[in-house]
N, C-alpha and C. Protein backbone atom coordinates (compact mmCIF):
# COMPACT_ATOMS: atom_id res chain seq x y z
N MET A 1 -8.08 -17.06 20.09
CA MET A 1 -8.06 -17.58 18.73
C MET A 1 -6.62 -17.56 18.22
N THR A 2 -6.18 -18.63 17.61
CA THR A 2 -4.84 -18.74 17.07
C THR A 2 -4.90 -18.77 15.55
N LEU A 3 -4.11 -17.93 14.92
CA LEU A 3 -4.02 -17.91 13.47
C LEU A 3 -2.61 -18.34 13.09
N ARG A 4 -2.50 -19.34 12.24
CA ARG A 4 -1.17 -19.78 11.82
C ARG A 4 -0.49 -18.69 11.01
N GLY A 5 0.75 -18.40 11.36
CA GLY A 5 1.52 -17.40 10.63
C GLY A 5 1.23 -15.97 11.03
N VAL A 6 0.49 -15.78 12.12
CA VAL A 6 0.17 -14.43 12.59
C VAL A 6 0.47 -14.36 14.08
N GLN A 7 1.28 -13.37 14.47
CA GLN A 7 1.60 -13.15 15.88
C GLN A 7 1.31 -11.70 16.21
N PHE A 8 0.63 -11.49 17.31
CA PHE A 8 0.35 -10.13 17.74
C PHE A 8 1.42 -9.64 18.70
N VAL A 9 1.76 -8.37 18.58
CA VAL A 9 2.70 -7.71 19.49
C VAL A 9 1.87 -6.92 20.48
N SER A 10 2.16 -7.09 21.76
CA SER A 10 1.38 -6.41 22.81
C SER A 10 2.29 -5.54 23.65
N ASP A 11 1.71 -4.47 24.21
CA ASP A 11 2.46 -3.62 25.13
C ASP A 11 2.42 -4.23 26.53
N ALA A 12 3.01 -3.54 27.49
CA ALA A 12 3.11 -4.06 28.86
C ALA A 12 1.74 -4.29 29.50
N GLU A 13 0.72 -3.60 28.99
CA GLU A 13 -0.63 -3.73 29.54
C GLU A 13 -1.46 -4.79 28.82
N GLY A 14 -0.86 -5.44 27.82
CA GLY A 14 -1.57 -6.47 27.08
C GLY A 14 -2.36 -5.98 25.89
N ASN A 15 -2.25 -4.69 25.58
CA ASN A 15 -2.95 -4.13 24.42
C ASN A 15 -2.19 -4.48 23.14
N ARG A 16 -2.90 -4.94 22.14
CA ARG A 16 -2.25 -5.26 20.87
C ARG A 16 -1.79 -3.97 20.20
N THR A 17 -0.52 -3.94 19.85
CA THR A 17 0.05 -2.74 19.24
C THR A 17 0.62 -3.00 17.85
N GLY A 18 0.71 -4.24 17.46
CA GLY A 18 1.27 -4.58 16.16
C GLY A 18 1.00 -6.02 15.82
N VAL A 19 1.46 -6.40 14.65
CA VAL A 19 1.27 -7.78 14.20
C VAL A 19 2.46 -8.20 13.35
N LEU A 20 2.86 -9.45 13.50
CA LEU A 20 3.89 -10.06 12.67
C LEU A 20 3.19 -11.08 11.78
N ILE A 21 3.45 -11.00 10.48
CA ILE A 21 2.78 -11.88 9.53
C ILE A 21 3.83 -12.70 8.78
N ASP A 22 3.65 -14.00 8.73
CA ASP A 22 4.52 -14.89 7.96
C ASP A 22 4.21 -14.65 6.49
N LEU A 23 5.13 -13.99 5.79
CA LEU A 23 4.87 -13.62 4.40
C LEU A 23 4.85 -14.82 3.46
N LYS A 24 5.53 -15.89 3.82
CA LYS A 24 5.46 -17.10 2.99
C LYS A 24 4.04 -17.66 3.00
N ARG A 25 3.40 -17.57 4.12
CA ARG A 25 2.06 -18.13 4.29
C ARG A 25 0.97 -17.14 3.84
N HIS A 26 1.19 -15.85 4.06
CA HIS A 26 0.12 -14.85 3.85
C HIS A 26 0.53 -13.72 2.91
N ARG A 27 1.34 -14.01 1.91
CA ARG A 27 1.84 -12.97 1.00
C ARG A 27 0.70 -12.21 0.33
N ARG A 28 -0.29 -12.90 -0.18
CA ARG A 28 -1.38 -12.21 -0.90
C ARG A 28 -2.16 -11.28 0.02
N VAL A 29 -2.41 -11.73 1.23
CA VAL A 29 -3.13 -10.88 2.18
C VAL A 29 -2.30 -9.64 2.48
N TRP A 30 -1.00 -9.82 2.69
CA TRP A 30 -0.11 -8.69 2.96
C TRP A 30 -0.11 -7.72 1.78
N GLU A 31 -0.01 -8.24 0.56
CA GLU A 31 0.01 -7.37 -0.62
C GLU A 31 -1.28 -6.56 -0.73
N ASP A 32 -2.41 -7.20 -0.47
CA ASP A 32 -3.69 -6.47 -0.49
C ASP A 32 -3.72 -5.39 0.59
N PHE A 33 -3.30 -5.74 1.79
CA PHE A 33 -3.27 -4.78 2.89
C PHE A 33 -2.35 -3.61 2.54
N TYR A 34 -1.17 -3.91 2.03
CA TYR A 34 -0.21 -2.86 1.69
C TYR A 34 -0.77 -1.94 0.60
N ASP A 35 -1.40 -2.53 -0.43
CA ASP A 35 -2.00 -1.72 -1.50
C ASP A 35 -3.05 -0.76 -0.95
N ILE A 36 -3.86 -1.25 -0.03
CA ILE A 36 -4.89 -0.39 0.58
C ILE A 36 -4.24 0.74 1.36
N MET A 37 -3.19 0.44 2.12
CA MET A 37 -2.51 1.47 2.90
C MET A 37 -1.88 2.53 1.99
N VAL A 38 -1.29 2.11 0.89
CA VAL A 38 -0.70 3.06 -0.06
C VAL A 38 -1.80 3.94 -0.66
N ALA A 39 -2.90 3.33 -1.07
CA ALA A 39 -4.01 4.09 -1.66
C ALA A 39 -4.55 5.11 -0.67
N GLU A 40 -4.73 4.71 0.59
CA GLU A 40 -5.23 5.64 1.60
C GLU A 40 -4.25 6.78 1.85
N SER A 41 -2.95 6.47 1.81
CA SER A 41 -1.96 7.53 2.06
C SER A 41 -1.94 8.55 0.92
N ARG A 42 -2.37 8.14 -0.26
CA ARG A 42 -2.38 9.03 -1.42
C ARG A 42 -3.73 9.69 -1.67
N ALA A 43 -4.70 9.40 -0.83
CA ALA A 43 -6.07 9.89 -1.05
C ALA A 43 -6.16 11.41 -1.08
N ARG A 44 -5.32 12.08 -0.35
CA ARG A 44 -5.39 13.55 -0.27
C ARG A 44 -4.44 14.25 -1.24
N GLU A 45 -3.72 13.48 -2.04
CA GLU A 45 -2.82 14.08 -3.02
C GLU A 45 -3.63 14.74 -4.12
N PRO A 46 -3.09 15.79 -4.71
CA PRO A 46 -3.83 16.46 -5.79
C PRO A 46 -4.03 15.52 -6.98
N ARG A 47 -5.14 15.67 -7.64
CA ARG A 47 -5.48 14.85 -8.80
C ARG A 47 -5.10 15.59 -10.07
N VAL A 48 -4.75 14.82 -11.09
CA VAL A 48 -4.49 15.37 -12.41
C VAL A 48 -5.39 14.62 -13.38
N ASP A 49 -6.16 15.36 -14.18
CA ASP A 49 -7.09 14.69 -15.09
C ASP A 49 -6.32 14.03 -16.24
N TRP A 50 -6.98 13.04 -16.85
CA TRP A 50 -6.33 12.24 -17.88
C TRP A 50 -5.86 13.09 -19.05
N LYS A 51 -6.62 14.07 -19.45
CA LYS A 51 -6.24 14.91 -20.59
C LYS A 51 -4.90 15.59 -20.33
N THR A 52 -4.70 16.12 -19.14
CA THR A 52 -3.45 16.79 -18.78
C THR A 52 -2.29 15.80 -18.76
N VAL A 53 -2.51 14.64 -18.17
CA VAL A 53 -1.46 13.61 -18.12
C VAL A 53 -1.06 13.20 -19.53
N ARG A 54 -2.05 12.98 -20.37
CA ARG A 54 -1.79 12.56 -21.75
C ARG A 54 -0.97 13.62 -22.49
N GLU A 55 -1.35 14.89 -22.34
CA GLU A 55 -0.62 15.98 -23.00
C GLU A 55 0.82 16.03 -22.53
N ARG A 56 1.04 15.88 -21.23
CA ARG A 56 2.40 15.90 -20.68
C ARG A 56 3.23 14.74 -21.24
N LEU A 57 2.64 13.56 -21.29
CA LEU A 57 3.36 12.40 -21.81
C LEU A 57 3.70 12.57 -23.29
N LEU A 58 2.75 13.08 -24.06
CA LEU A 58 3.02 13.29 -25.48
C LEU A 58 4.13 14.31 -25.70
N LYS A 59 4.12 15.39 -24.92
CA LYS A 59 5.18 16.40 -25.02
C LYS A 59 6.53 15.79 -24.64
N LYS A 60 6.56 15.05 -23.56
CA LYS A 60 7.80 14.45 -23.07
C LYS A 60 8.40 13.51 -24.11
N HIS A 61 7.57 12.67 -24.71
CA HIS A 61 8.08 11.71 -25.68
C HIS A 61 8.36 12.36 -27.02
N ALA A 62 7.71 13.45 -27.34
CA ALA A 62 7.98 14.16 -28.60
C ALA A 62 9.36 14.77 -28.57
N ARG A 63 9.81 15.21 -27.40
CA ARG A 63 11.14 15.83 -27.26
C ARG A 63 12.26 14.83 -27.51
N ARG A 64 12.01 13.57 -27.25
CA ARG A 64 13.05 12.54 -27.38
C ARG A 64 13.33 12.18 -28.82
N ASP A 65 12.39 12.43 -29.71
CA ASP A 65 12.56 12.03 -31.12
C ASP A 65 13.52 12.91 -31.85
């Protein structure tokens, strides 16, 4: 199967090891893929609840006044 703007990189044994994507042709697909990869990489990061974030932001901006 041939996909326009997509080339697979293979090792010496013919196993696909990577992909080259024409960003002019497939920018939206790449952006979606990249967003998913970033989200997955952050999945194990500690969470901060909204109340704590809000309090920190209010304190930070109160100091500037």
